[in-house]
């Protein structure tokens, strides 16, 4: 008969060996011992016993032994496009290369969900929290400061932690130039371009509108406010906004600047319902998805340099930045021009 495997020690076994209560052992192992006024000496003894007895201590217990948790966190607004899912993948890959454990949470562009995710991650003693596309990054940075954790903003900038973002203005200017160049090649065309998608209150959309307007101004073209519709990022909202816009027009605009692939989904849906095709006009999208590019070979897209942005984030993690208002802008790439 095969010998039985050794019995795993329990909290009660550790409590007996440490001459302490099970609740004390539990507090030490889950990292809450300091709030219970348990001495450092007793905590060290319990952790040493846990290690010697082969007890599978959690990441917080390991943090007490090593003075570091080995955990880094990221909050992400959505998983529903290539850009954000790629950010999460590269973030986790870079963390693994450094022997770090990454926690990623989706917060649905909801400030309360962002704060709750931050609270939970800080409870697990993350060494650094990366706020990606956060609606209120400064509040999260303040929470991190109070907990002694580092914080970095990604995609959208803040004022109380260093930030890594795309060069949204220059990317939008370049995309608008490419749209205007494509329009100039058309046998019969105007220069009217609809900018649609994004949120008027966020930094990236404001910068993209500025780049869009700048490119037109440099060619002597005026830009009407009615042709700029920051209707949020949801596909349904983009579809509804385009429908409302077209009620006052006899024909499609000559071109569109679509501010994300999520908005593009709503645009394509409206066009198909009306019997139109995406190729019926010149379209540029400040976002990138290989499937969209494959189905629409004339579609121009802006691919944000996720690998470079994540590399810059980890440079800050490896060598913390002192200037909290520092903002690094990474140039995006125009695809399909």
Foldseek 3Di string as FASTA:
>chain_A
DDDDDDDQDDLVNLCVVLVHDSVCLVCLLLQNNVVVVDDLVSSVSSLVVCVVRVPPGDLNNVCSVVVASLEEEEEFADCPDPQRVVLVVLLCVVSVVVSGHYYYHHQNLDQVSVVVVLVVVVSSVHQEYEYEPHPAVVVSCVVCVVSVHAYEYEQAADAQAEYEHAQLLQLLLVLLLVQQVVQVPDPDADSQEAEEEADPPTDNLVSNVNSNQVNQVVVVHHDDPLRYYHQYQALCSLLVSVVVSCVPPPDDHQEYEYEEVNVVNNVQVNQVVVVHHPVVHAYEYADDDVVVCVVPVQYKYKHAPSNVRSVVVVVCVVPPDPRRRHYHHHYIDIPND
